[in-house]
C-alpha atoms as a PDB file:
ATOM      1  CA  MET A   1      -0.025  -0.005   0.035  1.00  0.00           C
ATOM      2  CA  ASN A   2       1.577   3.519  -0.873  1.00  0.00           C
ATOM      3  CA  THR A   3       1.651   6.598   1.196  1.00  0.00           C
ATOM      4  CA  ILE A   4      -1.390   8.172  -0.288  1.00  0.00           C
ATOM      5  CA  GLU A   5      -3.878   5.033   0.008  1.00  0.00           C
ATOM      6  CA  THR A   6      -2.427   4.703   3.785  1.00  0.00           C
ATOM      7  CA  LEU A   7      -3.521   8.193   4.222  1.00  0.00           C
ATOM      8  CA  ASP A   8      -6.802   7.916   2.989  1.00  0.00           C
ATOM      9  CA  LYS A   9      -7.365   4.876   5.020  1.00  0.00           C
ATOM     10  CA  ARG A  10      -6.510   6.299   8.150  1.00  0.00           C
ATOM     11  CA  ARG A  11      -8.406   9.497   7.586  1.00  0.00           C
ATOM     12  CA  ALA A  12     -11.484   7.831   6.510  1.00  0.00           C
ATOM     13  CA  ARG A  13     -11.090   5.472   9.645  1.00  0.00           C
ATOM     14  CA  LYS A  14     -11.295   8.780  11.811  1.00  0.00           C
ATOM     15  CA  HIS A  15     -13.636  10.472   9.620  1.00  0.00           C
ATOM     16  CA  SER A  16     -15.929  11.777  12.737  1.00  0.00           C
ATOM     17  CA  GLU A  17     -13.164  13.013  14.306  1.00  0.00           C
ATOM     18  CA  ILE A  18     -12.019  15.657  11.855  1.00  0.00           C
ATOM     19  CA  THR A  19     -13.125  18.880  10.967  1.00  0.00           C
ATOM     20  CA  TYR A  20     -11.855  21.020   8.072  1.00  0.00           C
ATOM     21  CA  ASN A  21     -13.448  24.378   9.218  1.00  0.00           C
ATOM     22  CA  SER A  22     -11.386  27.010  10.179  1.00  0.00           C
ATOM     23  CA  THR A  23     -13.242  27.434  13.760  1.00  0.00           C
ATOM     24  CA  VAL A  24     -14.512  25.357  16.316  1.00  0.00           C
ATOM     25  CA  ASN A  25     -17.453  26.016  19.116  1.00  0.00           C
ATOM     26  CA  PHE A  26     -16.550  24.900  22.482  1.00  0.00           C
ATOM     27  CA  ASP A  27     -19.044  25.760  25.354  1.00  0.00           C
ATOM     28  CA  GLY A  28     -20.516  28.396  23.008  1.00  0.00           C
ATOM     29  CA  PHE A  29     -17.456  30.168  22.231  1.00  0.00           C
ATOM     30  CA  VAL A  30     -16.492  30.236  18.322  1.00  0.00           C
ATOM     31  CA  LEU A  31     -12.732  29.738  18.392  1.00  0.00           C
ATOM     32  CA  PRO A  32     -10.387  30.339  15.409  1.00  0.00           C
ATOM     33  CA  ILE A  33      -8.046  27.396  14.410  1.00  0.00           C
ATOM     34  CA  GLN A  34      -5.046  26.866  12.312  1.00  0.00           C
ATOM     35  CA  ASN A  35      -6.455  24.644   9.515  1.00  0.00           C
ATOM     36  CA  ARG A  36      -6.702  24.006   5.901  1.00  0.00           C
ATOM     37  CA  ALA A  37      -8.866  21.925   3.800  1.00  0.00           C
ATOM     38  CA  ASP A  38      -6.044  19.848   2.591  1.00  0.00           C
ATOM     39  CA  TRP A  39      -4.595  19.360   6.657  1.00  0.00           C
ATOM     40  CA  GLY A  40      -7.428  18.676   8.500  1.00  0.00           C
ATOM     41  CA  SER A  41      -7.565  18.862  12.622  1.00  0.00           C
ATOM     42  CA  TYR A  42      -8.346  16.391  15.181  1.00  0.00           C
ATOM     43  CA  LEU A  43     -11.335  17.282  17.063  1.00  0.00           C
ATOM     44  CA  PRO A  44     -10.734  15.370  20.041  1.00  0.00           C
ATOM     45  CA  THR A  45      -7.407  16.955  20.212  1.00  0.00           C
ATOM     46  CA  LEU A  46      -8.849  20.371  20.023  1.00  0.00           C
ATOM     47  CA  ARG A  47     -11.104  19.704  22.664  1.00  0.00           C
ATOM     48  CA  THR A  48      -8.102  18.417  25.013  1.00  0.00           C
ATOM     49  CA  ILE A  49      -6.372  21.604  24.495  1.00  0.00           C
ATOM     50  CA  HIS A  50      -9.255  23.626  25.253  1.00  0.00           C
ATOM     51  CA  ASN A  51     -10.087  21.237  28.151  1.00  0.00           C
ATOM     52  CA  GLN A  52      -6.401  21.773  29.672  1.00  0.00           C
ATOM     53  CA  PHE A  53      -6.670  25.412  29.478  1.00  0.00           C
ATOM     54  CA  ASN A  54      -9.718  25.879  31.226  1.00  0.00           C
ATOM     55  CA  ALA A  55      -8.617  23.449  33.884  1.00  0.00           C
ATOM     56  CA  MET A  56      -5.694  25.568  34.567  1.00  0.00           C
ATOM     57  CA  PHE A  57      -7.845  28.665  34.907  1.00  0.00           C
ATOM     58  CA  SER A  58     -10.197  27.071  37.544  1.00  0.00           C
ATOM     59  CA  HIS A  59      -6.731  26.677  39.477  1.00  0.00           C
ATOM     60  CA  HIS A  60      -4.886  30.040  38.665  1.00  0.00           C
ATOM     61  CA  CYS A  61      -6.564  33.385  37.885  1.00  0.00           C
ATOM     62  CA  LYS A  62      -3.384  33.995  35.626  1.00  0.00           C
ATOM     63  CA  VAL A  63      -2.081  31.470  32.988  1.00  0.00           C
ATOM     64  CA  LEU A  64       1.349  31.408  30.744  1.00  0.00           C
ATOM     65  CA  VAL A  65       1.052  29.456  27.797  1.00  0.00           C
ATOM     66  CA  LEU A  66       4.594  28.652  26.280  1.00  0.00           C
ATOM     67  CA  ARG A  67       4.966  26.752  22.958  1.00  0.00           C
ATOM     68  CA  THR A  68       8.574  24.989  22.135  1.00  0.00           C
ATOM     69  CA  ASP A  69       9.425  22.990  18.943  1.00  0.00           C
ATOM     70  CA  PHE A  70      11.890  20.394  19.037  1.00  0.00           C
ATOM     71  CA  HIS A  71      13.759  18.811  16.397  1.00  0.00           C
ATOM     72  CA  VAL A  72      15.496  15.494  16.695  1.00  0.00           C
ATOM     73  CA  ASN A  73      19.113  14.405  16.043  1.00  0.00           C
ATOM     74  CA  PRO A  74      18.456  10.790  14.694  1.00  0.00           C
ATOM     75  CA  ILE A  75      22.072   9.643  15.425  1.00  0.00           C
ATOM     76  CA  HIS A  76      21.271  10.404  19.329  1.00  0.00           C
ATOM     77  CA  TRP A  77      17.525   9.524  19.378  1.00  0.00           C
ATOM     78  CA  SER A  78      16.058   6.822  21.256  1.00  0.00           C
ATOM     79  CA  GLU A  79      12.132   6.371  21.779  1.00  0.00           C
ATOM     80  CA  GLY A  80      11.389   8.006  25.325  1.00  0.00           C
ATOM     81  CA  ASP A  81      13.724  10.908  24.970  1.00  0.00           C
ATOM     82  CA  PHE A  82      10.755  13.246  24.549  1.00  0.00           C
ATOM     83  CA  SER A  83       8.784  12.117  27.600  1.00  0.00           C
ATOM     84  CA  GLY A  84      11.802  12.077  29.559  1.00  0.00           C
ATOM     85  CA  LEU A  85      12.275  15.569  28.666  1.00  0.00           C
ATOM     86  CA  ILE A  86       8.641  16.704  29.787  1.00  0.00           C
ATOM     87  CA  LYS A  87       9.015  14.797  32.996  1.00  0.00           C
ATOM     88  CA  ARG A  88      12.644  16.115  34.062  1.00  0.00           C
ATOM     89  CA  SER A  89      11.771  19.670  32.840  1.00  0.00           C
ATOM     90  CA  LYS A  90       8.623  19.603  34.756  1.00  0.00           C
ATOM     91  CA  ARG A  91      10.238  18.289  37.965  1.00  0.00           C
ATOM     92  CA  LEU A  92      12.918  21.295  37.691  1.00  0.00           C
ATOM     93  CA  ILE A  93      10.406  23.814  36.918  1.00  0.00           C
ATOM     94  CA  THR A  94       7.986  22.830  39.749  1.00  0.00           C
ATOM     95  CA  LYS A  95      11.081  22.929  42.115  1.00  0.00           C
ATOM     96  CA  TYR A  96      12.426  26.380  40.956  1.00  0.00           C
ATOM     97  CA  TYR A  97       8.972  28.020  41.064  1.00  0.00           C
ATOM     98  CA  LYS A  98       7.106  26.007  43.881  1.00  0.00           C
ATOM     99  CA  LEU A  99       4.452  25.158  41.515  1.00  0.00           C
ATOM    100  CA  GLN A 100       1.405  22.939  42.424  1.00  0.00           C
ATOM    101  CA  ARG A 101       0.864  21.880  38.786  1.00  0.00           C
ATOM    102  CA  ILE A 102       1.839  22.069  35.096  1.00  0.00           C
ATOM    103  CA  GLY A 103      -0.115  21.256  32.191  1.00  0.00           C
ATOM    104  CA  HIS A 104       1.448  20.020  28.779  1.00  0.00           C
ATOM    105  CA  ILE A 105       0.249  19.272  25.531  1.00  0.00           C
ATOM    106  CA  TRP A 106       2.604  17.731  23.016  1.00  0.00           C
ATOM    107  CA  ALA A 107       2.408  16.683  19.122  1.00  0.00           C
ATOM    108  CA  ARG A 108       4.944  14.620  17.196  1.00  0.00           C
ATOM    109  CA  GLU A 109       4.925  15.053  13.225  1.00  0.00           C
ATOM    110  CA  ALA A 110       6.710  12.819  10.810  1.00  0.00           C
ATOM    111  CA  SER A 111       7.818  13.266   7.134  1.00  0.00           C
ATOM    112  CA  GLU A 112       7.992  11.157   4.204  1.00  0.00           C
ATOM    113  CA  SER A 113      11.651  11.019   4.649  1.00  0.00           C
ATOM    114  CA  GLY A 114      11.386   9.643   8.008  1.00  0.00           C
ATOM    115  CA  GLY A 115      12.375  12.361  10.476  1.00  0.00           C
ATOM    116  CA  HIS A 116      10.246  13.639  12.975  1.00  0.00           C
ATOM    117  CA  HIS A 117      10.043  16.610  15.351  1.00  0.00           C
ATOM    118  CA  TYR A 118       7.864  17.565  18.434  1.00  0.00           C
ATOM    119  CA  HIS A 119       5.868  20.694  19.381  1.00  0.00           C
ATOM    120  CA  LEU A 120       5.247  21.482  23.107  1.00  0.00           C
ATOM    121  CA  VAL A 121       3.015  23.716  25.151  1.00  0.00           C
ATOM    122  CA  PHE A 122       3.401  24.226  28.746  1.00  0.00           C
ATOM    123  CA  LEU A 123       0.547  25.758  30.779  1.00  0.00           C
ATOM    124  CA  LEU A 124       1.886  27.676  33.912  1.00  0.00           C
ATOM    125  CA  ASP A 125       0.819  29.343  37.052  1.00  0.00           C
ATOM    126  CA  GLY A 126       0.976  32.868  35.866  1.00  0.00           C
ATOM    127  CA  ASN A 127       1.139  34.532  39.443  1.00  0.00           C
ATOM    128  CA  LYS A 128       4.447  32.713  40.000  1.00  0.00           C
ATOM    129  CA  VAL A 129       5.728  32.790  36.337  1.00  0.00           C
ATOM    130  CA  ASN A 130       5.288  35.581  34.342  1.00  0.00           C
ATOM    131  CA  HIS A 131       7.942  35.208  31.543  1.00  0.00           C
ATOM    132  CA  PRO A 132       9.252  32.339  29.939  1.00  0.00           C
ATOM    133  CA  MET A 133      13.135  32.482  30.011  1.00  0.00           C
ATOM    134  CA  VAL A 134      13.930  30.380  32.867  1.00  0.00           C
ATOM    135  CA  ILE A 135      11.356  27.502  31.402  1.00  0.00           C
ATOM    136  CA  THR A 136      13.065  27.862  27.862  1.00  0.00           C
ATOM    137  CA  ASN A 137      16.673  27.474  29.354  1.00  0.00           C
ATOM    138  CA  ILE A 138      15.599  24.501  31.256  1.00  0.00           C
ATOM    139  CA  LEU A 139      13.988  22.911  28.009  1.00  0.00           C
ATOM    140  CA  THR A 140      16.880  23.723  25.924  1.00  0.00           C
ATOM    141  CA  GLN A 141      19.579  22.492  28.550  1.00  0.00           C
ATOM    142  CA  GLU A 142      17.689  19.180  28.881  1.00  0.00           C
ATOM    143  CA  TRP A 143      17.032  18.446  25.378  1.00  0.00           C
ATOM    144  CA  LYS A 144      20.721  19.236  24.390  1.00  0.00           C
ATOM    145  CA  LYS A 145      22.060  16.935  27.065  1.00  0.00           C
ATOM    146  CA  MET A 146      20.543  14.202  24.926  1.00  0.00           C
ATOM    147  CA  GLY A 147      22.556  15.289  21.800  1.00  0.00           C
ATOM    148  CA  HIS A 148      19.567  17.060  20.106  1.00  0.00           C
ATOM    149  CA  PRO A 149      19.480  20.633  18.529  1.00  0.00           C
ATOM    150  CA  HIS A 150      18.692  23.418  19.942  1.00  0.00           C
ATOM    151  CA  PRO A 151      14.873  23.779  20.389  1.00  0.00           C
ATOM    152  CA  ARG A 152      12.926  26.891  19.400  1.00  0.00           C
ATOM    153  CA  ARG A 153      10.719  28.847  21.425  1.00  0.00           C
ATOM    154  CA  ASN A 154       7.809  29.762  19.185  1.00  0.00           C
ATOM    155  CA  ASN A 155       5.712  31.978  21.104  1.00  0.00           C
ATOM    156  CA  HIS A 156       4.145  32.783  24.885  1.00  0.00           C
ATOM    157  CA  HIS A 157       0.939  34.010  25.878  1.00  0.00           C
ATOM    158  CA  PHE A 158      -0.042  35.801  29.405  1.00  0.00           C
ATOM    159  CA  LEU A 159      -3.653  34.916  29.838  1.00  0.00           C
ATOM    160  CA  THR A 160      -5.850  36.429  32.397  1.00  0.00           C
ATOM    161  CA  ASN A 161      -9.342  35.199  31.440  1.00  0.00           C
ATOM    162  CA  SER A 162     -10.632  32.563  28.813  1.00  0.00           C
ATOM    163  CA  VAL A 163     -12.583  34.418  26.686  1.00  0.00           C
ATOM    164  CA  ASP A 164     -10.825  37.501  25.428  1.00  0.00           C
ATOM    165  CA  GLU A 165      -8.541  37.886  22.348  1.00  0.00           C
ATOM    166  CA  LYS A 166      -5.318  36.972  24.216  1.00  0.00           C
ATOM    167  CA  PHE A 167      -7.002  33.457  25.060  1.00  0.00           C
ATOM    168  CA  THR A 168      -8.204  33.384  21.396  1.00  0.00           C
ATOM    169  CA  ASP A 169      -4.712  34.057  19.881  1.00  0.00           C
ATOM    170  CA  ALA A 170      -3.251  31.405  22.292  1.00  0.00           C
ATOM    171  CA  PHE A 171      -5.675  28.662  21.672  1.00  0.00           C
ATOM    172  CA  HIS A 172      -5.251  29.673  17.826  1.00  0.00           C
ATOM    173  CA  HIS A 173      -1.369  29.430  17.925  1.00  0.00           C
ATOM    174  CA  CYS A 174      -1.680  25.989  19.981  1.00  0.00           C
ATOM    175  CA  SER A 175      -4.289  24.289  17.711  1.00  0.00           C
ATOM    176  CA  TYR A 176      -1.526  23.749  15.345  1.00  0.00           C
ATOM    177  CA  LEU A 177      -0.913  20.477  17.249  1.00  0.00           C
ATOM    178  CA  ALA A 178      -4.084  19.258  16.185  1.00  0.00           C
ATOM    179  CA  LYS A 179      -3.814  19.111  12.613  1.00  0.00           C
ATOM    180  CA  ILE A 180      -3.480  15.834  10.969  1.00  0.00           C
ATOM    181  CA  HIS A 181      -0.976  16.310   7.837  1.00  0.00           C
ATOM    182  CA  THR A 182       2.430  15.135   8.963  1.00  0.00           C
ATOM    183  CA  LYS A 183       0.771  13.168  11.762  1.00  0.00           C
ATOM    184  CA  ASP A 184      -0.727  10.614   9.259  1.00  0.00           C
ATOM    185  CA  LEU A 185       2.842   9.637   8.445  1.00  0.00           C
ATOM    186  CA  GLN A 186       3.677   8.063  11.963  1.00  0.00           C
ATOM    187  CA  PRO A 187       4.140   3.972  12.064  1.00  0.00           C
ATOM    188  CA  ILE A 188       1.202   2.218  12.887  1.00  0.00           C
ATOM    189  CA  GLY A 189       0.814   2.192  16.805  1.00  0.00           C
ATOM    190  CA  ALA A 190       2.918   5.098  17.082  1.00  0.00           C
ATOM    191  CA  ARG A 191       1.522   7.986  19.425  1.00  0.00           C
ATOM    192  CA  ASN A 192       1.475  11.292  18.014  1.00  0.00           C
ATOM    193  CA  PHE A 193      -0.255  13.555  20.812  1.00  0.00           C
ATOM    194  CA  GLY A 194      -0.593  13.570  24.423  1.00  0.00           C
ATOM    195  CA  ALA A 195      -1.501  16.061  27.155  1.00  0.00           C
ATOM    196  CA  SER A 196      -1.519  16.271  31.046  1.00  0.00           C
ATOM    197  CA  GLN A 197      -4.574  15.378  32.731  1.00  0.00           C
ATOM    198  CA  ILE A 198      -5.103  18.430  35.044  1.00  0.00           C
ATOM    199  CA  LYS A 199      -8.778  18.227  36.583  1.00  0.00           C
ATOM    200  CA  MET A 200     -10.901  21.191  36.679  1.00  0.00           C
ATOM    201  CA  SER A 201     -11.230  22.625  40.387  1.00  0.00           C
ATOM    202  CA  THR A 202     -14.907  22.598  41.233  1.00  0.00           C
ATOM    203  CA  ARG A 203     -14.144  25.374  43.734  1.00  0.00           C
ATOM    204  CA  ASN A 204     -13.174  27.855  41.441  1.00  0.00           C
ATOM    205  CA  GLU A 205     -15.056  26.515  38.200  1.00  0.00           C
ATOM    206  CA  SER A 206     -16.750  29.695  38.044  1.00  0.00           C
ATOM    207  CA  ARG A 207     -13.742  31.490  36.993  1.00  0.00           C
ATOM    208  CA  ILE A 208     -14.530  29.986  33.729  1.00  0.00           C
ATOM    209  CA  LEU A 209     -16.824  32.003  31.484  1.00  0.00           C
ATOM    210  CA  LYS A 210     -19.656  30.539  29.625  1.00  0.00           C
ATOM    211  CA  ALA A 211     -21.198  31.756  26.757  1.00  0.00           C
ATOM    212  CA  SER A 212     -24.785  33.051  27.369  1.00  0.00           C
END
């Protein structure tokens, strides 16, 4: 089976989970996403991103969103490098800032040549972390220790609520992780997306604004 047939088969199997629209509607709010007719985006992934954003806001009145991109040196690569990066970095960041929780969302993308790279989003308590410099330095040091290239800080957002233009921009930026294009090329059974499972705080759930 050639590449095109494989992609068509995978997309057909997950047809109900794919959107080709430029927006999604979650909790009554229409949010723009990075999408194209030849890309498609996974709705469950977009919902997970939105849920983790809101879950962080139920715990913290300010949230720092940081996206970083990581390329892989195939000579030094081994499965588990990226999950190890997340675990070690979260442990160091938690200790440095004395945080109670860090949200994360990641996506792996492959190319036809067989190479791959990662996108990572961290969600942090904005009351304690108001600039990404320390986070970026920790991520860079930990990734380079494994022999991989210098990661690139893609952008960051400092949010104070779940409905304004800053939130919309941050969600649009992170929605890139939900695109199907380049994820279809993963080996069968390989994971191409993951996220933390921060639960909504029922005590502060009222912080999450709902559409009327």
